[in-house]
């Protein structure tokens, strides 16, 4: 409770964008089940179209399935490109946290770090 790290002046200075990203990531559901169900939902429809097109011999339906898969791939590339900005922000946050931790360890008194070897 009386930890010096709890004082506002001792915390890293995050920008508003970084604080927004921290809040967004802390509230997001990144569970494996949710990710898997989302991927299945995205690719199930074109797969069903493709199988139906093969079964009926319809080139139009096969074309729709193929274009759907291409659009999903393009969407994935665009999303990855857009998320690159968030990655850069998260790297900035991590650098600030590491710098704060190193500063705290340099000025820390008390028990030595067991991993430090001395």
C-alpha atoms as a PDB file:
ATOM      1  CA  UNK A   1       0.000   0.000   0.000  1.00  0.00           C
ATOM      2  CA  UNK A   2       2.855   2.361   0.841  1.00  0.00           C
ATOM      3  CA  UNK A   3       4.867   1.139  -2.150  1.00  0.00           C
ATOM      4  CA  UNK A   4       6.677   4.035  -3.854  1.00  0.00           C
ATOM      5  CA  UNK A   5       5.610   2.589  -7.208  1.00  0.00           C
ATOM      6  CA  UNK A   6       2.011   3.457  -6.299  1.00  0.00           C
ATOM      7  CA  UNK A   7       2.781   7.169  -6.404  1.00  0.00           C
ATOM      8  CA  UNK A   8       1.681   8.819  -9.684  1.00  0.00           C
ATOM      9  CA  UNK A   9       5.112  10.392 -10.216  1.00  0.00           C
ATOM     10  CA  UNK A  10       6.757   6.960 -10.138  1.00  0.00           C
ATOM     11  CA  UNK A  11       4.653   5.481 -12.934  1.00  0.00           C
ATOM     12  CA  UNK A  12       5.731   5.614 -16.572  1.00  0.00           C
ATOM     13  CA  UNK A  13       4.171   8.469 -18.514  1.00  0.00           C
ATOM     14  CA  UNK A  14       1.845   6.829 -21.036  1.00  0.00           C
ATOM     15  CA  UNK A  15       0.320   8.765 -23.898  1.00  0.00           C
ATOM     16  CA  UNK A  16      -3.472   8.799 -24.306  1.00  0.00           C
ATOM     17  CA  UNK A  17      -3.142   6.384 -27.242  1.00  0.00           C
ATOM     18  CA  UNK A  18      -1.124   3.965 -25.113  1.00  0.00           C
ATOM     19  CA  UNK A  19      -3.646   4.127 -22.257  1.00  0.00           C
ATOM     20  CA  UNK A  20      -6.473   3.488 -24.747  1.00  0.00           C
ATOM     21  CA  UNK A  21      -4.621   0.450 -26.132  1.00  0.00           C
ATOM     22  CA  UNK A  22      -3.934  -0.906 -22.626  1.00  0.00           C
ATOM     23  CA  UNK A  23      -7.634  -0.619 -21.778  1.00  0.00           C
ATOM     24  CA  UNK A  24      -8.682  -2.169 -25.098  1.00  0.00           C
ATOM     25  CA  UNK A  25      -6.345  -5.137 -24.711  1.00  0.00           C
ATOM     26  CA  UNK A  26      -7.217  -5.650 -21.056  1.00  0.00           C
ATOM     27  CA  UNK A  27     -10.920  -5.902 -21.919  1.00  0.00           C
ATOM     28  CA  UNK A  28     -10.600  -8.074 -25.030  1.00  0.00           C
ATOM     29  CA  UNK A  29     -11.346 -11.787 -25.053  1.00  0.00           C
ATOM     30  CA  UNK A  30      -8.405 -13.588 -26.607  1.00  0.00           C
ATOM     31  CA  UNK A  31      -9.381 -17.096 -25.569  1.00  0.00           C
ATOM     32  CA  UNK A  32      -8.458 -19.933 -27.901  1.00  0.00           C
ATOM     33  CA  UNK A  33     -12.081 -21.082 -28.189  1.00  0.00           C
ATOM     34  CA  UNK A  34     -13.235 -17.655 -29.324  1.00  0.00           C
ATOM     35  CA  UNK A  35     -10.420 -17.357 -31.849  1.00  0.00           C
ATOM     36  CA  UNK A  36     -11.091 -20.834 -33.246  1.00  0.00           C
ATOM     37  CA  UNK A  37     -14.833 -20.253 -33.531  1.00  0.00           C
ATOM     38  CA  UNK A  38     -14.223 -16.959 -35.348  1.00  0.00           C
ATOM     39  CA  UNK A  39     -11.876 -18.630 -37.843  1.00  0.00           C
ATOM     40  CA  UNK A  40     -14.332 -21.462 -38.451  1.00  0.00           C
ATOM     41  CA  UNK A  41     -17.149 -18.962 -38.979  1.00  0.00           C
ATOM     42  CA  UNK A  42     -15.093 -17.013 -41.534  1.00  0.00           C
ATOM     43  CA  UNK A  43     -14.044 -19.997 -43.612  1.00  0.00           C
ATOM     44  CA  UNK A  44     -17.047 -22.312 -43.228  1.00  0.00           C
ATOM     45  CA  UNK A  45     -19.279 -20.379 -45.640  1.00  0.00           C
ATOM     46  CA  UNK A  46     -16.831 -20.364 -48.588  1.00  0.00           C
ATOM     47  CA  UNK A  47     -15.993 -24.014 -47.879  1.00  0.00           C
ATOM     48  CA  UNK A  48     -19.671 -24.986 -47.985  1.00  0.00           C
ATOM     49  CA  UNK A  49     -20.087 -23.021 -51.234  1.00  0.00           C
ATOM     50  CA  UNK A  50     -17.035 -24.760 -52.664  1.00  0.00           C
ATOM     51  CA  UNK A  51     -18.235 -28.253 -51.758  1.00  0.00           C
ATOM     52  CA  UNK A  52     -21.700 -27.476 -53.108  1.00  0.00           C
ATOM     53  CA  UNK A  53     -20.173 -26.134 -56.328  1.00  0.00           C
ATOM     54  CA  UNK A  54     -18.075 -29.295 -56.716  1.00  0.00           C
ATOM     55  CA  UNK A  55     -21.070 -31.550 -55.998  1.00  0.00           C
ATOM     56  CA  UNK A  56     -23.325 -29.789 -58.514  1.00  0.00           C
ATOM     57  CA  UNK A  57     -20.604 -29.005 -61.039  1.00  0.00           C
ATOM     58  CA  UNK A  58     -21.499 -25.309 -61.003  1.00  0.00           C
ATOM     59  CA  UNK A  59     -18.584 -23.088 -61.967  1.00  0.00           C
ATOM     60  CA  UNK A  60     -20.474 -19.985 -60.801  1.00  0.00           C
ATOM     61  CA  UNK A  61     -20.791 -21.299 -57.249  1.00  0.00           C
ATOM     62  CA  UNK A  62     -17.138 -22.425 -57.289  1.00  0.00           C
ATOM     63  CA  UNK A  63     -16.199 -18.930 -58.449  1.00  0.00           C
ATOM     64  CA  UNK A  64     -18.180 -17.356 -55.588  1.00  0.00           C
ATOM     65  CA  UNK A  65     -16.407 -19.630 -53.086  1.00  0.00           C
ATOM     66  CA  UNK A  66     -12.999 -18.831 -54.588  1.00  0.00           C
ATOM     67  CA  UNK A  67     -13.651 -15.067 -54.549  1.00  0.00           C
ATOM     68  CA  UNK A  68     -14.912 -15.278 -50.966  1.00  0.00           C
ATOM     69  CA  UNK A  69     -11.699 -16.982 -49.870  1.00  0.00           C
ATOM     70  CA  UNK A  70      -9.623 -14.386 -51.735  1.00  0.00           C
ATOM     71  CA  UNK A  71     -11.546 -11.549 -50.061  1.00  0.00           C
ATOM     72  CA  UNK A  72     -11.001 -13.133 -46.644  1.00  0.00           C
ATOM     73  CA  UNK A  73      -7.272 -13.399 -47.341  1.00  0.00           C
ATOM     74  CA  UNK A  74      -7.097  -9.752 -48.443  1.00  0.00           C
ATOM     75  CA  UNK A  75      -9.059  -8.750 -45.349  1.00  0.00           C
ATOM     76  CA  UNK A  76      -6.546 -10.680 -43.194  1.00  0.00           C
ATOM     77  CA  UNK A  77      -3.625  -8.841 -44.808  1.00  0.00           C
ATOM     78  CA  UNK A  78      -5.304  -5.446 -44.349  1.00  0.00           C
ATOM     79  CA  UNK A  79      -6.135  -6.253 -40.717  1.00  0.00           C
ATOM     80  CA  UNK A  80      -2.558  -7.329 -40.045  1.00  0.00           C
ATOM     81  CA  UNK A  81      -1.269  -4.125 -41.656  1.00  0.00           C
ATOM     82  CA  UNK A  82      -3.668  -2.036 -39.552  1.00  0.00           C
ATOM     83  CA  UNK A  83      -2.718  -3.888 -36.349  1.00  0.00           C
ATOM     84  CA  UNK A  84       0.935  -3.052 -37.000  1.00  0.00           C
ATOM     85  CA  UNK A  85       0.261   0.403 -35.499  1.00  0.00           C
ATOM     86  CA  UNK A  86      -1.027  -1.213 -32.296  1.00  0.00           C
ATOM     87  CA  UNK A  87       2.072  -3.417 -32.204  1.00  0.00           C
ATOM     88  CA  UNK A  88       4.310  -0.346 -32.327  1.00  0.00           C
ATOM     89  CA  UNK A  89       2.280   1.243 -29.507  1.00  0.00           C
ATOM     90  CA  UNK A  90       2.529  -1.927 -27.410  1.00  0.00           C
ATOM     91  CA  UNK A  91       6.303  -2.031 -27.947  1.00  0.00           C
ATOM     92  CA  UNK A  92       6.457   1.562 -26.686  1.00  0.00           C
ATOM     93  CA  UNK A  93       4.444   0.606 -23.598  1.00  0.00           C
ATOM     94  CA  UNK A  94       6.710  -2.373 -22.898  1.00  0.00           C
ATOM     95  CA  UNK A  95       9.862  -0.260 -23.294  1.00  0.00           C
ATOM     96  CA  UNK A  96       8.511   2.268 -20.780  1.00  0.00           C
ATOM     97  CA  UNK A  97       7.612  -0.487 -18.328  1.00  0.00           C
ATOM     98  CA  UNK A  98      11.036  -2.101 -18.668  1.00  0.00           C
ATOM     99  CA  UNK A  99      12.806   1.231 -18.194  1.00  0.00           C
ATOM    100  CA  UNK A 100      10.702   1.872 -15.082  1.00  0.00           C
ATOM    101  CA  UNK A 101      11.490  -1.585 -13.724  1.00  0.00           C
ATOM    102  CA  UNK A 102      15.228  -1.125 -14.330  1.00  0.00           C
ATOM    103  CA  UNK A 103      15.122   2.280 -12.615  1.00  0.00           C
ATOM    104  CA  UNK A 104      13.269   0.779  -9.664  1.00  0.00           C
ATOM    105  CA  UNK A 105      15.767  -2.095  -9.364  1.00  0.00           C
ATOM    106  CA  UNK A 106      18.759   0.245  -9.514  1.00  0.00           C
ATOM    107  CA  UNK A 107      17.432   2.330  -6.640  1.00  0.00           C
ATOM    108  CA  UNK A 108      15.963  -0.574  -4.662  1.00  0.00           C
ATOM    109  CA  UNK A 109      17.259  -1.397  -1.211  1.00  0.00           C
ATOM    110  CA  UNK A 110      16.688  -4.616   0.659  1.00  0.00           C
ATOM    111  CA  UNK A 111      17.176  -8.208  -0.295  1.00  0.00           C
ATOM    112  CA  UNK A 112      19.379  -8.959  -3.324  1.00  0.00           C
ATOM    113  CA  UNK A 113      17.825 -10.508  -6.402  1.00  0.00           C
ATOM    114  CA  UNK A 114      18.259 -14.320  -6.157  1.00  0.00           C
ATOM    115  CA  UNK A 115      18.742 -14.508  -9.929  1.00  0.00           C
ATOM    116  CA  UNK A 116      21.543 -11.935  -9.704  1.00  0.00           C
ATOM    117  CA  UNK A 117      23.974 -14.461  -8.227  1.00  0.00           C
ATOM    118  CA  UNK A 118      25.280 -12.327  -5.342  1.00  0.00           C
END
